[in-house]
């Protein structure tokens, strides 16, 4: 079986013993996977289907955002 998806392997086949610490958040309507660090989030992955969202410098992986 082949899955054509943009979701990472960890979301489709989660492991019970591992807590990744990633949260699904929405920043200005753009879905993101992010890690919470105190009162801000570190962007890990952009989950949008709009190609222009990947060109936004504010939500590049590694950037910090506040919600």
C-alpha atoms as a PDB file:
ATOM      1  CA  UNK A   1       0.000   0.000   0.000  1.00  0.00           C
ATOM      2  CA  UNK A   2       1.308   3.457  -0.897  1.00  0.00           C
ATOM      3  CA  UNK A   3       0.218   6.547   1.027  1.00  0.00           C
ATOM      4  CA  UNK A   4       0.482   9.844  -0.807  1.00  0.00           C
ATOM      5  CA  UNK A   5       0.444  12.304   2.070  1.00  0.00           C
ATOM      6  CA  UNK A   6       2.358  15.283   3.379  1.00  0.00           C
ATOM      7  CA  UNK A   7       1.953  14.096   6.957  1.00  0.00           C
ATOM      8  CA  UNK A   8       5.115  12.795   8.610  1.00  0.00           C
ATOM      9  CA  UNK A   9       5.548   9.097   9.294  1.00  0.00           C
ATOM     10  CA  UNK A  10       5.173   9.707  13.055  1.00  0.00           C
ATOM     11  CA  UNK A  11       1.617  11.027  12.642  1.00  0.00           C
ATOM     12  CA  UNK A  12       0.419   8.124  10.532  1.00  0.00           C
ATOM     13  CA  UNK A  13       2.122   5.420  12.583  1.00  0.00           C
ATOM     14  CA  UNK A  14       2.546   6.853  16.092  1.00  0.00           C
ATOM     15  CA  UNK A  15       4.657   5.046  18.641  1.00  0.00           C
ATOM     16  CA  UNK A  16       3.057   4.637  22.055  1.00  0.00           C
ATOM     17  CA  UNK A  17       6.228   4.882  24.104  1.00  0.00           C
ATOM     18  CA  UNK A  18       7.549   8.078  22.530  1.00  0.00           C
ATOM     19  CA  UNK A  19       6.247  11.569  23.275  1.00  0.00           C
ATOM     20  CA  UNK A  20       7.508  13.852  20.532  1.00  0.00           C
ATOM     21  CA  UNK A  21       6.344  17.100  22.169  1.00  0.00           C
ATOM     22  CA  UNK A  22       4.958  18.428  18.882  1.00  0.00           C
ATOM     23  CA  UNK A  23       1.670  20.295  18.848  1.00  0.00           C
ATOM     24  CA  UNK A  24      -0.554  21.087  15.903  1.00  0.00           C
ATOM     25  CA  UNK A  25      -1.074  24.860  16.000  1.00  0.00           C
ATOM     26  CA  UNK A  26      -2.588  27.398  13.643  1.00  0.00           C
ATOM     27  CA  UNK A  27      -0.798  30.680  12.932  1.00  0.00           C
ATOM     28  CA  UNK A  28      -2.904  33.140  10.890  1.00  0.00           C
ATOM     29  CA  UNK A  29      -4.859  30.181   9.529  1.00  0.00           C
ATOM     30  CA  UNK A  30      -1.727  28.222   8.536  1.00  0.00           C
ATOM     31  CA  UNK A  31      -1.426  24.785  10.176  1.00  0.00           C
ATOM     32  CA  UNK A  32       1.985  24.084  11.717  1.00  0.00           C
ATOM     33  CA  UNK A  33       3.722  21.491  13.854  1.00  0.00           C
ATOM     34  CA  UNK A  34       5.531  23.312  16.634  1.00  0.00           C
ATOM     35  CA  UNK A  35       7.321  22.644  19.925  1.00  0.00           C
ATOM     36  CA  UNK A  36       6.245  24.689  22.931  1.00  0.00           C
ATOM     37  CA  UNK A  37       9.047  26.577  24.663  1.00  0.00           C
ATOM     38  CA  UNK A  38       7.767  28.641  27.611  1.00  0.00           C
ATOM     39  CA  UNK A  39       5.429  31.292  26.108  1.00  0.00           C
ATOM     40  CA  UNK A  40       6.349  30.783  22.447  1.00  0.00           C
ATOM     41  CA  UNK A  41       6.507  28.033  19.841  1.00  0.00           C
ATOM     42  CA  UNK A  42       9.372  26.829  17.656  1.00  0.00           C
ATOM     43  CA  UNK A  43       8.152  25.922  14.153  1.00  0.00           C
ATOM     44  CA  UNK A  44       9.077  22.357  13.174  1.00  0.00           C
ATOM     45  CA  UNK A  45       6.986  21.768  10.054  1.00  0.00           C
ATOM     46  CA  UNK A  46       4.523  23.680   7.850  1.00  0.00           C
ATOM     47  CA  UNK A  47       1.431  21.600   7.003  1.00  0.00           C
ATOM     48  CA  UNK A  48      -0.225  23.877   4.474  1.00  0.00           C
ATOM     49  CA  UNK A  49      -1.212  22.923   0.937  1.00  0.00           C
ATOM     50  CA  UNK A  50      -0.670  26.494  -0.276  1.00  0.00           C
ATOM     51  CA  UNK A  51       2.831  26.830  -1.809  1.00  0.00           C
ATOM     52  CA  UNK A  52       3.074  30.521  -0.897  1.00  0.00           C
ATOM     53  CA  UNK A  53       2.984  29.660   2.817  1.00  0.00           C
ATOM     54  CA  UNK A  54       6.344  27.907   2.457  1.00  0.00           C
ATOM     55  CA  UNK A  55       7.902  31.197   1.309  1.00  0.00           C
ATOM     56  CA  UNK A  56       6.803  33.071   4.456  1.00  0.00           C
ATOM     57  CA  UNK A  57       9.947  33.901   6.470  1.00  0.00           C
ATOM     58  CA  UNK A  58       7.971  34.184   9.730  1.00  0.00           C
ATOM     59  CA  UNK A  59       7.037  30.483   9.781  1.00  0.00           C
ATOM     60  CA  UNK A  60      10.143  28.820   8.402  1.00  0.00           C
ATOM     61  CA  UNK A  61      11.227  25.757  10.422  1.00  0.00           C
ATOM     62  CA  UNK A  62      13.404  26.919  13.308  1.00  0.00           C
ATOM     63  CA  UNK A  63      11.644  30.268  13.687  1.00  0.00           C
ATOM     64  CA  UNK A  64       9.889  31.219  16.927  1.00  0.00           C
ATOM     65  CA  UNK A  65       6.278  32.404  16.902  1.00  0.00           C
ATOM     66  CA  UNK A  66       3.841  33.487  19.591  1.00  0.00           C
ATOM     67  CA  UNK A  67       0.149  32.686  19.469  1.00  0.00           C
END
